[in-house]
C-alpha atoms as a PDB file:
ATOM      1  CA  MET A   1      -0.045  -0.078   0.084  1.00  0.00           C
ATOM      2  CA  PRO A   2       1.623   3.401  -0.891  1.00  0.00           C
ATOM      3  CA  ILE A   3       2.519   5.313   2.042  1.00  0.00           C
ATOM      4  CA  ARG A   4       1.311   8.887   2.052  1.00  0.00           C
ATOM      5  CA  LYS A   5       3.327  11.760   2.285  1.00  0.00           C
ATOM      6  CA  PRO A   6       2.152  12.783   5.423  1.00  0.00           C
ATOM      7  CA  HIS A   7       3.028   9.686   7.170  1.00  0.00           C
ATOM      8  CA  ALA A   8       6.604   9.448   5.511  1.00  0.00           C
ATOM      9  CA  LEU A   9       7.418  12.774   6.727  1.00  0.00           C
ATOM     10  CA  SER A  10       6.625  11.554  10.387  1.00  0.00           C
ATOM     11  CA  ILE A  11       8.664   8.731   9.664  1.00  0.00           C
ATOM     12  CA  ILE A  12      11.687  10.696   8.476  1.00  0.00           C
ATOM     13  CA  LEU A  13      11.053  13.286  11.670  1.00  0.00           C
ATOM     14  CA  LEU A  14      10.992  10.110  14.125  1.00  0.00           C
ATOM     15  CA  ALA A  15      14.024   8.429  12.610  1.00  0.00           C
ATOM     16  CA  ALA A  16      16.111  11.988  13.152  1.00  0.00           C
ATOM     17  CA  ALA A  17      15.048  12.210  16.821  1.00  0.00           C
ATOM     18  CA  LEU A  18      16.176   8.524  17.374  1.00  0.00           C
ATOM     19  CA  LEU A  19      19.411   9.293  15.800  1.00  0.00           C
ATOM     20  CA  LEU A  20      19.923  12.214  17.754  1.00  0.00           C
ATOM     21  CA  SER A  21      19.067  10.679  21.080  1.00  0.00           C
ATOM     22  CA  GLY A  22      21.392   7.827  20.518  1.00  0.00           C
ATOM     23  CA  CYS A  23      24.686  10.215  19.829  1.00  0.00           C
ATOM     24  CA  GLY A  24      23.905  12.274  22.986  1.00  0.00           C
ATOM     25  CA  ASN A  25      23.926   8.851  25.253  1.00  0.00           C
ATOM     26  CA  SER A  26      27.109   7.651  23.801  1.00  0.00           C
ATOM     27  CA  SER A  27      29.129  11.115  24.516  1.00  0.00           C
ATOM     28  CA  ASN A  28      27.721  10.728  28.341  1.00  0.00           C
ATOM     29  CA  ARG A  29      29.023   7.142  28.568  1.00  0.00           C
ATOM     30  CA  THR A  30      32.578   8.203  27.546  1.00  0.00           C
ATOM     31  CA  ASN A  31      32.525  11.143  29.712  1.00  0.00           C
ATOM     32  CA  ASP A  32      31.484   9.044  33.041  1.00  0.00           C
ATOM     33  CA  THR A  33      34.590   6.613  31.909  1.00  0.00           C
ATOM     34  CA  THR A  34      37.258   9.130  31.763  1.00  0.00           C
ATOM     35  CA  THR A  35      35.805  10.675  34.887  1.00  0.00           C
ATOM     36  CA  SER A  36      35.775   7.062  36.771  1.00  0.00           C
ATOM     37  CA  ASN A  37      39.282   6.334  35.456  1.00  0.00           C
ATOM     38  CA  ALA A  38      40.885   9.615  37.099  1.00  0.00           C
ATOM     39  CA  ALA A  39      39.343   9.199  40.352  1.00  0.00           C
ATOM     40  CA  ASN A  40      40.441   5.494  40.772  1.00  0.00           C
ATOM     41  CA  PRO A  41      43.896   4.839  39.222  1.00  0.00           C
ATOM     42  CA  PRO A  42      44.584   1.141  38.400  1.00  0.00           C
ATOM     43  CA  ALA A  43      46.890  -0.528  40.976  1.00  0.00           C
ATOM     44  CA  ALA A  44      50.555  -0.548  40.478  1.00  0.00           C
ATOM     45  CA  SER A  45      51.752  -3.749  39.092  1.00  0.00           C
ATOM     46  CA  VAL A  46      54.333  -5.646  41.174  1.00  0.00           C
ATOM     47  CA  ASN A  47      57.545  -6.903  39.791  1.00  0.00           C
ATOM     48  CA  GLU A  48      59.797  -9.950  41.049  1.00  0.00           C
ATOM     49  CA  PRO A  49      62.965  -8.816  41.127  1.00  0.00           C
ATOM     50  CA  ALA A  50      65.377 -11.107  39.339  1.00  0.00           C
ATOM     51  CA  PRO A  51      67.391 -13.725  40.812  1.00  0.00           C
ATOM     52  CA  GLY A  52      70.637 -12.015  43.166  1.00  0.00           C
ATOM     53  CA  ASP A  53      69.488  -8.685  42.757  1.00  0.00           C
ATOM     54  CA  GLY A  54      71.306  -6.877  45.787  1.00  0.00           C
ATOM     55  CA  ASN A  55      68.090  -4.620  46.024  1.00  0.00           C
ATOM     56  CA  ALA A  56      65.626  -7.700  46.322  1.00  0.00           C
ATOM     57  CA  ALA A  57      62.907  -7.290  49.180  1.00  0.00           C
ATOM     58  CA  VAL A  58      63.014  -9.507  52.158  1.00  0.00           C
ATOM     59  CA  ASN A  59      62.265 -13.068  51.880  1.00  0.00           C
ATOM     60  CA  ASP A  60      60.275 -14.346  54.303  1.00  0.00           C
ATOM     61  CA  ASN A  61      61.100 -17.710  53.816  1.00  0.00           C
ATOM     62  CA  GLN A  62      64.853 -17.081  54.610  1.00  0.00           C
ATOM     63  CA  PRO A  63      66.327 -18.879  57.572  1.00  0.00           C
ATOM     64  CA  ALA A  64      66.761 -16.337  60.722  1.00  0.00           C
ATOM     65  CA  ASP A  65      70.759 -17.792  60.792  1.00  0.00           C
ATOM     66  CA  SER A  66      71.811 -17.805  57.321  1.00  0.00           C
ATOM     67  CA  GLY A  67      74.407 -15.435  57.848  1.00  0.00           C
ATOM     68  CA  THR A  68      73.056 -12.646  55.122  1.00  0.00           C
ATOM     69  CA  ASN A  69      72.196  -9.369  56.044  1.00  0.00           C
ATOM     70  CA  ALA A  70      68.653  -8.954  54.514  1.00  0.00           C
ATOM     71  CA  THR A  71      68.903  -5.268  53.980  1.00  0.00           C
ATOM     72  CA  THR A  72      71.893  -5.102  51.729  1.00  0.00           C
ATOM     73  CA  GLY A  73      72.374  -8.691  50.826  1.00  0.00           C
ATOM     74  CA  THR A  74      76.074  -8.382  52.444  1.00  0.00           C
ATOM     75  CA  GLU A  75      77.835 -10.616  55.029  1.00  0.00           C
ATOM     76  CA  PRO A  76      77.444  -9.753  58.444  1.00  0.00           C
ATOM     77  CA  GLU A  77      80.710  -9.111  60.747  1.00  0.00           C
ATOM     78  CA  LYS A  78      81.536 -11.995  62.297  1.00  0.00           C
ATOM     79  CA  GLU A  79      82.882 -12.607  65.946  1.00  0.00           C
ATOM     80  CA  THR A  80      86.772 -13.664  65.589  1.00  0.00           C
ATOM     81  CA  GLY A  81      86.969 -14.174  69.260  1.00  0.00           C
ATOM     82  CA  THR A  82      86.077 -13.789  73.133  1.00  0.00           C
ATOM     83  CA  GLY A  83      86.907 -10.676  75.120  1.00  0.00           C
ATOM     84  CA  ASN A  84      88.722  -8.126  73.497  1.00  0.00           C
ATOM     85  CA  GLY A  85      88.762  -9.623  69.734  1.00  0.00           C
ATOM     86  CA  ALA A  86      84.807 -10.245  69.542  1.00  0.00           C
ATOM     87  CA  ASN A  87      82.561  -8.247  67.221  1.00  0.00           C
ATOM     88  CA  LYS A  88      85.801  -7.576  64.740  1.00  0.00           C
ATOM     89  CA  PRO A  89      85.318  -8.152  60.981  1.00  0.00           C
ATOM     90  CA  ALA A  90      86.906 -11.384  60.273  1.00  0.00           C
ATOM     91  CA  THR A  91      89.599  -9.838  57.821  1.00  0.00           C
ATOM     92  CA  GLU A  92      90.744  -7.055  60.681  1.00  0.00           C
ATOM     93  CA  PRO A  93      93.757  -8.469  62.685  1.00  0.00           C
ATOM     94  CA  SER A  94      93.149  -8.814  66.282  1.00  0.00           C
ATOM     95  CA  THR A  95      95.295  -6.020  68.392  1.00  0.00           C
ATOM     96  CA  GLU A  96      95.085  -8.721  71.273  1.00  0.00           C
ATOM     97  CA  PRO A  97      98.953  -9.807  72.044  1.00  0.00           C
ATOM     98  CA  GLU A  98      99.056 -13.494  71.485  1.00  0.00           C
ATOM     99  CA  THR A  99      99.938 -15.298  74.673  1.00  0.00           C
ATOM    100  CA  ASP A 100     101.888 -18.543  74.719  1.00  0.00           C
ATOM    101  CA  PRO A 101     100.267 -20.875  76.919  1.00  0.00           C
ATOM    102  CA  ASP A 102     103.721 -22.637  77.882  1.00  0.00           C
ATOM    103  CA  SER A 103     104.726 -18.808  79.256  1.00  0.00           C
ATOM    104  CA  ASN A 104     102.076 -18.715  81.693  1.00  0.00           C
ATOM    105  CA  ALA A 105     102.706 -22.190  83.112  1.00  0.00           C
ATOM    106  CA  ALA A 106     106.139 -21.122  83.444  1.00  0.00           C
ATOM    107  CA  GLN A 107     105.306 -17.842  85.527  1.00  0.00           C
ATOM    108  CA  THR A 108     103.169 -19.733  88.058  1.00  0.00           C
ATOM    109  CA  SER A 109     105.611 -22.762  88.554  1.00  0.00           C
ATOM    110  CA  ASP A 110     108.476 -22.641  91.125  1.00  0.00           C
ATOM    111  CA  PRO A 111     111.802 -21.561  90.380  1.00  0.00           C
ATOM    112  CA  GLU A 112     114.140 -24.031  89.681  1.00  0.00           C
ATOM    113  CA  PRO A 113     116.380 -24.562  92.861  1.00  0.00           C
ATOM    114  CA  ALA A 114     120.006 -22.902  92.881  1.00  0.00           C
ATOM    115  CA  LYS A 115     122.736 -25.343  91.934  1.00  0.00           C
ATOM    116  CA  LYS A 116     124.486 -26.677  94.744  1.00  0.00           C
ATOM    117  CA  LEU A 117     128.244 -25.483  94.333  1.00  0.00           C
ATOM    118  CA  TYR A 118     129.518 -25.774  98.092  1.00  0.00           C
ATOM    119  CA  LYS A 119     129.162 -27.978 101.245  1.00  0.00           C
ATOM    120  CA  MET A 120     130.474 -27.645 104.708  1.00  0.00           C
ATOM    121  CA  ASN A 121     133.518 -29.427 106.479  1.00  0.00           C
ATOM    122  CA  LYS A 122     134.290 -30.655 109.309  1.00  0.00           C
ATOM    123  CA  VAL A 123     135.202 -26.988 110.934  1.00  0.00           C
ATOM    124  CA  TYR A 124     132.579 -25.318 109.504  1.00  0.00           C
ATOM    125  CA  SER A 125     134.312 -23.889 106.305  1.00  0.00           C
ATOM    126  CA  PHE A 126     132.918 -24.487 103.321  1.00  0.00           C
ATOM    127  CA  VAL A 127     134.641 -25.901 100.086  1.00  0.00           C
ATOM    128  CA  PRO A 128     133.440 -26.390  96.526  1.00  0.00           C
ATOM    129  CA  ILE A 129     131.920 -29.703  95.438  1.00  0.00           C
ATOM    130  CA  ASP A 130     133.645 -29.533  92.064  1.00  0.00           C
ATOM    131  CA  LYS A 131     136.817 -27.716  92.881  1.00  0.00           C
ATOM    132  CA  ALA A 132     137.704 -27.548  88.811  1.00  0.00           C
ATOM    133  CA  ALA A 133     134.466 -25.872  88.188  1.00  0.00           C
ATOM    134  CA  THR A 134     133.766 -23.787  91.174  1.00  0.00           C
ATOM    135  CA  THR A 135     136.108 -21.321  92.997  1.00  0.00           C
ATOM    136  CA  ASN A 136     137.432 -21.822  96.702  1.00  0.00           C
ATOM    137  CA  LYS A 137     138.079 -18.173  97.525  1.00  0.00           C
ATOM    138  CA  VAL A 138     135.002 -17.309  98.846  1.00  0.00           C
ATOM    139  CA  VAL A 139     133.247 -16.217 102.084  1.00  0.00           C
ATOM    140  CA  LEU A 140     130.148 -17.175 104.000  1.00  0.00           C
ATOM    141  CA  LEU A 141     128.618 -13.781 105.926  1.00  0.00           C
ATOM    142  CA  THR A 142     126.455 -14.234 108.853  1.00  0.00           C
ATOM    143  CA  PHE A 143     124.627 -12.191 111.261  1.00  0.00           C
ATOM    144  CA  ASP A 144     123.561 -13.377 114.602  1.00  0.00           C
ATOM    145  CA  ASP A 145     120.702 -12.248 117.403  1.00  0.00           C
ATOM    146  CA  GLY A 146     118.183 -10.331 115.232  1.00  0.00           C
ATOM    147  CA  PRO A 147     116.365  -8.660 114.137  1.00  0.00           C
ATOM    148  CA  LYS A 148     116.689  -5.570 116.462  1.00  0.00           C
ATOM    149  CA  GLU A 149     115.922  -2.290 114.799  1.00  0.00           C
ATOM    150  CA  ASP A 150     115.275  -1.017 111.325  1.00  0.00           C
ATOM    151  CA  LYS A 151     117.787   1.700 111.289  1.00  0.00           C
ATOM    152  CA  MET A 152     120.704  -1.250 111.640  1.00  0.00           C
ATOM    153  CA  MET A 153     118.845  -3.582 109.534  1.00  0.00           C
ATOM    154  CA  SER A 154     118.343  -1.498 106.829  1.00  0.00           C
ATOM    155  CA  SER A 155     121.934  -0.300 106.857  1.00  0.00           C
ATOM    156  CA  LEU A 156     123.265  -4.141 106.765  1.00  0.00           C
ATOM    157  CA  LEU A 157     121.099  -4.714 103.422  1.00  0.00           C
ATOM    158  CA  ASP A 158     121.359  -1.601 101.789  1.00  0.00           C
ATOM    159  CA  THR A 159     125.482  -2.418 101.855  1.00  0.00           C
ATOM    160  CA  LEU A 160     125.138  -6.277 100.996  1.00  0.00           C
ATOM    161  CA  ASP A 161     122.804  -5.125  97.941  1.00  0.00           C
ATOM    162  CA  LYS A 162     125.614  -2.775  97.012  1.00  0.00           C
ATOM    163  CA  HIS A 163     128.285  -5.711  97.091  1.00  0.00           C
ATOM    164  CA  LYS A 164     125.820  -8.065  95.458  1.00  0.00           C
ATOM    165  CA  ALA A 165     126.213 -10.110  98.485  1.00  0.00           C
ATOM    166  CA  LYS A 166     124.358 -12.731 100.453  1.00  0.00           C
ATOM    167  CA  ALA A 167     124.331 -13.632 103.852  1.00  0.00           C
ATOM    168  CA  ILE A 168     122.692 -15.633 106.558  1.00  0.00           C
ATOM    169  CA  PHE A 169     120.344 -13.835 109.525  1.00  0.00           C
ATOM    170  CA  PHE A 170     120.635 -16.190 112.497  1.00  0.00           C
ATOM    171  CA  VAL A 171     117.478 -15.002 114.188  1.00  0.00           C
ATOM    172  CA  ASN A 172     116.007 -15.262 117.854  1.00  0.00           C
ATOM    173  CA  GLY A 173     112.296 -16.038 118.276  1.00  0.00           C
ATOM    174  CA  TYR A 174     111.562 -13.363 120.764  1.00  0.00           C
ATOM    175  CA  ARG A 175     113.276 -10.818 118.675  1.00  0.00           C
ATOM    176  CA  VAL A 176     111.052 -11.625 115.425  1.00  0.00           C
ATOM    177  CA  LYS A 177     107.930 -11.837 117.961  1.00  0.00           C
ATOM    178  CA  ALA A 178     108.788  -8.114 118.490  1.00  0.00           C
ATOM    179  CA  HIS A 179     109.682  -7.190 115.055  1.00  0.00           C
ATOM    180  CA  PRO A 180     108.313  -9.447 112.338  1.00  0.00           C
ATOM    181  CA  GLU A 181     108.249  -6.580 109.953  1.00  0.00           C
ATOM    182  CA  LEU A 182     111.872  -6.850 110.478  1.00  0.00           C
ATOM    183  CA  LEU A 183     112.188 -10.472 109.543  1.00  0.00           C
ATOM    184  CA  LYS A 184     110.193  -9.961 106.199  1.00  0.00           C
ATOM    185  CA  LYS A 185     112.175  -7.389 105.091  1.00  0.00           C
ATOM    186  CA  ILE A 186     115.372  -9.851 105.436  1.00  0.00           C
ATOM    187  CA  ALA A 187     113.652 -12.072 103.254  1.00  0.00           C
ATOM    188  CA  ASP A 188     112.140  -9.374 101.126  1.00  0.00           C
ATOM    189  CA  ARG A 189     115.091  -8.507 100.283  1.00  0.00           C
ATOM    190  CA  GLY A 190     116.672 -11.905  99.005  1.00  0.00           C
ATOM    191  CA  GLN A 191     118.662 -12.871 102.488  1.00  0.00           C
ATOM    192  CA  THR A 192     118.534 -15.995 103.928  1.00  0.00           C
ATOM    193  CA  ILE A 193     117.197 -16.484 107.540  1.00  0.00           C
ATOM    194  CA  GLY A 194     118.569 -19.018 109.992  1.00  0.00           C
ATOM    195  CA  ASN A 195     117.196 -20.193 113.335  1.00  0.00           C
ATOM    196  CA  HIS A 196     119.032 -19.197 116.550  1.00  0.00           C
ATOM    197  CA  SER A 197     116.645 -20.611 118.799  1.00  0.00           C
ATOM    198  CA  TRP A 198     113.866 -18.722 120.472  1.00  0.00           C
ATOM    199  CA  ASP A 199     115.839 -17.301 123.759  1.00  0.00           C
ATOM    200  CA  HIS A 200     119.558 -17.507 123.089  1.00  0.00           C
ATOM    201  CA  ILE A 201     120.185 -19.631 125.969  1.00  0.00           C
ATOM    202  CA  ASP A 202     122.811 -22.695 126.084  1.00  0.00           C
ATOM    203  CA  LEU A 203     121.087 -25.303 124.598  1.00  0.00           C
ATOM    204  CA  LYS A 204     123.713 -27.626 126.130  1.00  0.00           C
ATOM    205  CA  LYS A 205     122.417 -27.006 129.400  1.00  0.00           C
ATOM    206  CA  GLU A 206     118.609 -27.782 128.487  1.00  0.00           C
ATOM    207  CA  SER A 207     116.374 -30.647 128.726  1.00  0.00           C
ATOM    208  CA  GLN A 208     115.352 -32.639 125.556  1.00  0.00           C
ATOM    209  CA  ALA A 209     111.855 -31.055 125.542  1.00  0.00           C
ATOM    210  CA  SER A 210     113.320 -27.326 125.885  1.00  0.00           C
ATOM    211  CA  VAL A 211     115.468 -27.884 123.215  1.00  0.00           C
ATOM    212  CA  GLN A 212     112.676 -28.801 121.092  1.00  0.00           C
ATOM    213  CA  LYS A 213     110.723 -25.964 122.086  1.00  0.00           C
ATOM    214  CA  GLN A 214     113.391 -23.555 121.348  1.00  0.00           C
ATOM    215  CA  VAL A 215     113.675 -25.002 117.847  1.00  0.00           C
ATOM    216  CA  ASP A 216     110.232 -25.713 116.865  1.00  0.00           C
ATOM    217  CA  ASP A 217     108.897 -22.104 118.018  1.00  0.00           C
ATOM    218  CA  VAL A 218     111.317 -20.225 115.728  1.00  0.00           C
ATOM    219  CA  GLN A 219     110.899 -22.410 112.843  1.00  0.00           C
ATOM    220  CA  LYS A 220     106.808 -21.814 113.417  1.00  0.00           C
ATOM    221  CA  ILE A 221     107.144 -17.903 114.001  1.00  0.00           C
ATOM    222  CA  VAL A 222     109.506 -17.576 110.664  1.00  0.00           C
ATOM    223  CA  LYS A 223     107.254 -19.885 108.731  1.00  0.00           C
ATOM    224  CA  ASP A 224     103.958 -17.838 109.963  1.00  0.00           C
ATOM    225  CA  VAL A 225     105.858 -14.630 108.607  1.00  0.00           C
ATOM    226  CA  ILE A 226     107.391 -15.227 105.409  1.00  0.00           C
ATOM    227  CA  GLY A 227     106.012 -18.580 104.765  1.00  0.00           C
ATOM    228  CA  THR A 228     109.042 -20.657 104.946  1.00  0.00           C
ATOM    229  CA  GLU A 229     111.104 -22.637 107.283  1.00  0.00           C
ATOM    230  CA  PRO A 230     114.862 -22.026 108.106  1.00  0.00           C
ATOM    231  CA  VAL A 231     117.456 -24.672 106.795  1.00  0.00           C
ATOM    232  CA  PHE A 232     120.333 -23.534 108.732  1.00  0.00           C
ATOM    233  CA  PHE A 233     120.565 -23.331 112.372  1.00  0.00           C
ATOM    234  CA  ARG A 234     123.346 -22.053 114.988  1.00  0.00           C
ATOM    235  CA  PRO A 235     123.524 -22.874 118.446  1.00  0.00           C
ATOM    236  CA  PRO A 236     123.552 -19.736 121.104  1.00  0.00           C
ATOM    237  CA  PHE A 237     127.182 -19.402 121.740  1.00  0.00           C
ATOM    238  CA  GLY A 238     127.987 -22.390 119.318  1.00  0.00           C
ATOM    239  CA  SER A 239     127.244 -24.276 122.281  1.00  0.00           C
ATOM    240  CA  GLY A 240     125.565 -27.892 121.509  1.00  0.00           C
ATOM    241  CA  ASN A 241     125.962 -31.471 121.925  1.00  0.00           C
ATOM    242  CA  ASP A 242     124.454 -34.742 119.898  1.00  0.00           C
ATOM    243  CA  TYR A 243     120.733 -34.406 121.045  1.00  0.00           C
ATOM    244  CA  VAL A 244     120.701 -30.685 119.787  1.00  0.00           C
ATOM    245  CA  LYS A 245     122.294 -31.876 116.595  1.00  0.00           C
ATOM    246  CA  LYS A 246     119.592 -34.573 116.015  1.00  0.00           C
ATOM    247  CA  VAL A 247     116.717 -32.230 116.616  1.00  0.00           C
ATOM    248  CA  VAL A 248     118.433 -29.635 114.202  1.00  0.00           C
ATOM    249  CA  ARG A 249     118.946 -32.495 111.278  1.00  0.00           C
ATOM    250  CA  ASP A 250     115.511 -34.232 112.042  1.00  0.00           C
ATOM    251  CA  ARG A 251     113.675 -30.724 111.214  1.00  0.00           C
ATOM    252  CA  GLY A 252     115.603 -30.457 107.784  1.00  0.00           C
ATOM    253  CA  MET A 253     118.288 -28.270 108.884  1.00  0.00           C
ATOM    254  CA  LEU A 254     122.079 -28.233 108.958  1.00  0.00           C
ATOM    255  CA  TYR A 255     124.127 -27.365 111.963  1.00  0.00           C
ATOM    256  CA  MET A 256     126.898 -25.080 111.901  1.00  0.00           C
ATOM    257  CA  THR A 257     128.705 -22.812 114.371  1.00  0.00           C
ATOM    258  CA  TRP A 258     131.615 -20.568 112.587  1.00  0.00           C
ATOM    259  CA  SER A 259     134.975 -20.645 111.503  1.00  0.00           C
ATOM    260  CA  ASN A 260     135.744 -16.882 111.680  1.00  0.00           C
ATOM    261  CA  GLY A 261     134.757 -14.875 114.523  1.00  0.00           C
ATOM    262  CA  SER A 262     134.641 -10.991 113.878  1.00  0.00           C
ATOM    263  CA  LEU A 263     134.479 -10.621 117.822  1.00  0.00           C
ATOM    264  CA  ASP A 264     132.417  -7.631 117.365  1.00  0.00           C
ATOM    265  CA  TRP A 265     130.241  -8.974 120.629  1.00  0.00           C
ATOM    266  CA  ASP A 266     133.257  -8.752 122.667  1.00  0.00           C
ATOM    267  CA  SER A 267     134.342  -5.523 124.530  1.00  0.00           C
ATOM    268  CA  SER A 268     137.647  -5.031 123.050  1.00  0.00           C
ATOM    269  CA  THR A 269     135.961  -4.199 119.788  1.00  0.00           C
ATOM    270  CA  LYS A 270     133.020  -2.566 120.822  1.00  0.00           C
ATOM    271  CA  ASN A 271     132.646   1.077 118.867  1.00  0.00           C
ATOM    272  CA  LYS A 272     135.664   0.186 116.831  1.00  0.00           C
ATOM    273  CA  PRO A 273     134.668  -0.629 113.317  1.00  0.00           C
ATOM    274  CA  ASP A 274     138.301  -0.888 112.189  1.00  0.00           C
ATOM    275  CA  LYS A 275     138.904  -3.546 115.136  1.00  0.00           C
ATOM    276  CA  VAL A 276     135.944  -5.553 113.744  1.00  0.00           C
ATOM    277  CA  ILE A 277     137.432  -5.365 110.201  1.00  0.00           C
ATOM    278  CA  ALA A 278     141.398  -6.409 111.428  1.00  0.00           C
ATOM    279  CA  ASN A 279     139.492  -9.375 113.337  1.00  0.00           C
ATOM    280  CA  VAL A 280     138.116 -10.745 110.274  1.00  0.00           C
ATOM    281  CA  LEU A 281     141.184 -10.085 107.510  1.00  0.00           C
ATOM    282  CA  GLU A 282     143.518 -11.784 110.332  1.00  0.00           C
ATOM    283  CA  GLN A 283     141.722 -14.863 110.346  1.00  0.00           C
ATOM    284  CA  LEU A 284     140.843 -15.077 106.534  1.00  0.00           C
ATOM    285  CA  HIS A 285     141.069 -18.094 104.417  1.00  0.00           C
ATOM    286  CA  PRO A 286     139.356 -19.328 101.499  1.00  0.00           C
ATOM    287  CA  GLY A 287     135.918 -20.842 102.511  1.00  0.00           C
ATOM    288  CA  VAL A 288     135.433 -19.382 106.290  1.00  0.00           C
ATOM    289  CA  ASN A 289     132.247 -19.092 107.672  1.00  0.00           C
ATOM    290  CA  ILE A 290     132.260 -15.281 109.346  1.00  0.00           C
ATOM    291  CA  LEU A 291     130.508 -14.588 112.365  1.00  0.00           C
ATOM    292  CA  MET A 292     129.158 -11.158 113.045  1.00  0.00           C
ATOM    293  CA  HIS A 293     126.292  -9.750 114.429  1.00  0.00           C
ATOM    294  CA  GLU A 294     123.610  -6.384 114.053  1.00  0.00           C
ATOM    295  CA  LEU A 295     125.335  -3.855 116.348  1.00  0.00           C
ATOM    296  CA  PRO A 296     126.152  -0.600 115.207  1.00  0.00           C
ATOM    297  CA  TRP A 297     129.834  -0.903 114.919  1.00  0.00           C
ATOM    298  CA  THR A 298     129.607  -3.932 112.867  1.00  0.00           C
ATOM    299  CA  THR A 299     127.279  -2.184 110.663  1.00  0.00           C
ATOM    300  CA  GLU A 300     129.554   0.989 110.003  1.00  0.00           C
ATOM    301  CA  ALA A 301     132.364  -1.753 109.233  1.00  0.00           C
ATOM    302  CA  LEU A 302     130.573  -3.785 106.712  1.00  0.00           C
ATOM    303  CA  ASP A 303     131.085  -1.638 103.683  1.00  0.00           C
ATOM    304  CA  GLU A 304     134.815  -1.028 104.216  1.00  0.00           C
ATOM    305  CA  LEU A 305     134.905  -5.040 104.851  1.00  0.00           C
ATOM    306  CA  LEU A 306     133.591  -6.225 101.929  1.00  0.00           C
ATOM    307  CA  THR A 307     135.461  -3.753  99.959  1.00  0.00           C
ATOM    308  CA  LYS A 308     138.710  -5.081 101.160  1.00  0.00           C
ATOM    309  CA  LEU A 309     137.825  -9.014 100.824  1.00  0.00           C
ATOM    310  CA  GLU A 310     137.018  -8.122  96.945  1.00  0.00           C
ATOM    311  CA  SER A 311     140.256  -6.352  96.586  1.00  0.00           C
ATOM    312  CA  LYS A 312     141.794  -9.886  97.844  1.00  0.00           C
ATOM    313  CA  GLY A 313     139.706 -11.657  95.188  1.00  0.00           C
ATOM    314  CA  TYR A 314     137.069 -13.020  97.461  1.00  0.00           C
ATOM    315  CA  GLY A 315     133.272 -13.591  96.438  1.00  0.00           C
ATOM    316  CA  PHE A 316     130.417 -13.895  98.945  1.00  0.00           C
ATOM    317  CA  ILE A 317     129.014 -17.674  99.016  1.00  0.00           C
ATOM    318  CA  ASP A 318     124.947 -17.498  98.273  1.00  0.00           C
ATOM    319  CA  PRO A 319     123.411 -19.862 100.964  1.00  0.00           C
ATOM    320  CA  ALA A 320     120.969 -21.236  98.230  1.00  0.00           C
ATOM    321  CA  THR A 321     123.935 -22.876  96.843  1.00  0.00           C
ATOM    322  CA  ILE A 322     125.069 -24.741  99.973  1.00  0.00           C
ATOM    323  CA  ASP A 323     124.424 -28.484  99.988  1.00  0.00           C
ATOM    324  CA  LEU A 324     122.994 -29.526 103.430  1.00  0.00           C
ATOM    325  CA  GLY A 325     124.384 -32.502 103.264  1.00  0.00           C
ATOM    326  CA  LEU A 326     121.965 -34.162 105.307  1.00  0.00           C
ATOM    327  CA  GLU A 327     122.140 -37.890 104.695  1.00  0.00           C
ATOM    328  CA  GLU A 328     126.157 -37.779 104.854  1.00  0.00           C
ATOM    329  CA  GLN A 329     125.234 -36.493 108.558  1.00  0.00           C
ATOM    330  CA  THR A 330     122.685 -38.978 109.201  1.00  0.00           C
ATOM    331  CA  GLN A 331     125.099 -41.631 108.227  1.00  0.00           C
ATOM    332  CA  GLN A 332     128.090 -40.405 109.958  1.00  0.00           C
ATOM    333  CA  THR A 333     125.935 -40.195 113.326  1.00  0.00           C
ATOM    334  CA  ALA A 334     124.717 -43.994 112.679  1.00  0.00           C
ATOM    335  CA  LYS A 335     128.612 -44.913 112.966  1.00  0.00           C
END
């Protein structure tokens, strides 16, 4: 059926209206999409780092003690030791001095005993054990009846030090009790302590019990003060007997009197240092055992006396080099 013109015109107008309506909706959809994208940007992409990348993020699966620094990927500092050497890089040398374990053992161990060079003969002088290797031109210096006072004792010790000489100081127990500090000074200065009985009495006239007490009480007090017991014994007045000798030997000591008396105890020598020197030199011979005392005039004479002895070629026996010969004495007594 043919379309009428008014109808055709209406159809054309309707189609044009529909076309215009569709274009408007398309424009609005485009603008909405653009606006939405600007307000909500897409999430940033996460890229996995390449293996071995130094800037890699922390790996949660890495063991805690792997030894790798998670931030830098470098080795952490390693402990190289304990004490002052700890927490240092392995490549840095330690500034702690090396210690030889053997040297520590040597420092804590007791020093070796002095070699025995001399032994005492029957007249209380000293002779070399090996005459080919050791000189006989020596003297033993001894001082009895101390310790009395610091001034005299210090002077004697200073003079001995000056001449690099050693001596035996035969002490009385009652004097040690009064001045233990002086006994310690003698020992600290490298000199030797001897036992001279407690009360300086004639032991030959004492009971056996008294003899033992006179000897033992000195051994005890000396050990209490300096830590060691004497190994030399001299009876007061040079007076003893077989029993006194036995007690002394049983205590591990060498019994001796003297072979050269300075007579510094005699009234003829009092306040006369020159007389002390003359008396010693008059009796001088190799190996003599010189008896002196802690007295003002002896103290005054000592430096010159030792100088004169040295000028004559004499040296001084170190008591530590004396062989006590206790086994020989025991055998002789048994015979």
